[in-house]
Amino acid sequence: MRRIVIERDTTVSISEVNDNSFVGIQWEGGSKCMIMRTPEGFCSIANTNYPNTMNVWYTNTVQEYVSKALNQGNNTNSRAFAFNNVKELCEWMSI
């Protein structure tokens, strides 16, 4: 016998994301990145073994980064995720 549960909503509106949120992007091809704050603004670091620092782009906010990432014409199936803490984000990046 197994207990039946009703799952909570697992989506977050972009309006709920702020500059202190822990956010990751899963690109259409399957690679992942996490958004991080730098002196130049927000950018991302990928979980690939061939990081390309030449093509890094920056935004002023996490919301801007997510919007830019998800609205790229060649990444129509990319998805963004919000995590409760940095540990969850890093565990997701390592999978």
Protein backbone atom coordinates (compact mmCIF):
# COMPACT_ATOMS: atom_id res chain seq x y z
CA MET A 1 0.00 0.00 0.00
CA ARG A 2 1.22 3.52 -0.81
CA ARG A 3 -0.07 6.81 0.46
CA ILE A 4 -1.44 9.24 -2.10
CA VAL A 5 -0.33 12.87 -1.80
CA ILE A 6 -1.19 15.98 -3.72
CA GLU A 7 2.02 17.60 -4.88
CA ARG A 8 2.61 21.27 -4.28
CA ASP A 9 2.93 23.61 -7.20
CA THR A 10 6.51 23.37 -8.44
CA THR A 11 6.60 26.56 -10.47
CA VAL A 12 7.80 30.02 -9.53
CA SER A 13 6.86 33.22 -11.31
CA ILE A 14 9.80 35.27 -12.55
CA SER A 15 8.40 38.14 -10.49
CA GLU A 16 9.26 36.11 -7.38
CA VAL A 17 12.93 35.79 -8.40
CA ASN A 18 15.27 38.42 -6.99
CA ASP A 19 19.00 39.09 -6.96
CA ASN A 20 19.45 36.84 -3.90
CA SER A 21 17.70 33.85 -5.50
CA PHE A 22 19.59 30.66 -6.28
CA VAL A 23 18.87 30.07 -9.96
CA GLY A 24 20.05 27.53 -12.50
CA ILE A 25 19.41 27.22 -16.24
CA GLN A 26 19.20 23.92 -18.07
CA TRP A 27 19.98 24.62 -21.71
CA GLU A 28 18.25 22.91 -24.59
CA GLY A 29 21.28 20.67 -25.17
CA GLY A 30 21.25 19.43 -21.56
CA SER A 31 24.12 21.41 -20.07
CA LYS A 32 23.47 23.46 -16.96
CA CYS A 33 24.65 26.73 -15.51
CA MET A 34 24.14 28.65 -12.31
CA ILE A 35 23.71 32.38 -12.16
CA MET A 36 26.21 34.23 -10.02
CA ARG A 37 26.90 37.81 -8.99
CA THR A 38 30.17 39.41 -10.11
CA PRO A 39 31.46 42.99 -9.96
CA GLU A 40 30.38 43.36 -13.62
CA GLY A 41 26.82 42.11 -12.98
CA PHE A 42 25.15 38.70 -13.13
CA CYS A 43 26.56 35.98 -15.35
CA SER A 44 26.70 32.20 -15.19
CA ILE A 45 29.12 29.35 -14.79
CA ALA A 46 28.46 26.09 -16.61
CA ASN A 47 28.90 22.47 -15.62
CA THR A 48 30.67 21.60 -18.86
CA ASN A 49 34.29 20.60 -19.09
CA TYR A 50 34.99 23.25 -21.73
CA PRO A 51 33.93 26.59 -20.27
CA ASN A 52 34.04 29.45 -22.73
CA THR A 53 34.75 32.72 -20.96
CA MET A 54 34.87 34.63 -24.24
CA ASN A 55 31.08 34.49 -24.70
CA VAL A 56 29.98 35.36 -21.15
CA TRP A 57 27.25 38.00 -21.04
CA TYR A 58 26.20 40.06 -18.06
CA THR A 59 22.90 41.51 -16.86
CA ASN A 60 21.98 43.92 -14.08
CA THR A 61 19.58 41.51 -12.33
CA VAL A 62 18.88 37.80 -12.02
CA GLN A 63 15.45 38.36 -13.60
CA GLU A 64 17.11 39.94 -16.64
CA TYR A 65 19.52 37.01 -16.94
CA VAL A 66 16.71 34.45 -16.79
CA SER A 67 14.63 36.36 -19.34
CA LYS A 68 17.58 36.71 -21.69
CA ALA A 69 18.48 33.04 -21.34
CA LEU A 70 14.96 31.76 -21.93
CA ASN A 71 14.23 34.11 -24.83
CA GLN A 72 17.22 33.18 -26.95
CA GLY A 73 15.99 32.02 -30.33
CA ASN A 74 18.24 28.96 -30.43
CA ASN A 75 17.31 27.76 -26.92
CA THR A 76 13.56 27.30 -27.21
CA ASN A 77 13.50 24.35 -24.80
CA SER A 78 15.74 25.80 -22.09
CA ARG A 79 14.35 25.88 -18.55
CA ALA A 80 15.13 27.90 -15.44
CA PHE A 81 14.89 26.59 -11.87
CA ALA A 82 14.86 28.33 -8.49
CA PHE A 83 16.46 26.52 -5.55
CA ASN A 84 15.96 26.91 -1.81
CA ASN A 85 19.67 27.25 -1.10
CA VAL A 86 23.11 27.06 -2.69
CA LYS A 87 23.54 23.42 -1.62
CA GLU A 88 20.49 22.35 -3.66
CA LEU A 89 21.74 24.37 -6.63
CA CYS A 90 25.22 22.79 -6.48
CA GLU A 91 23.78 19.28 -6.13
CA TRP A 92 21.59 19.90 -9.21
CA MET A 93 24.62 21.19 -11.13
CA SER A 94 26.58 18.03 -10.32
CA ILE A 95 23.99 15.63 -11.76
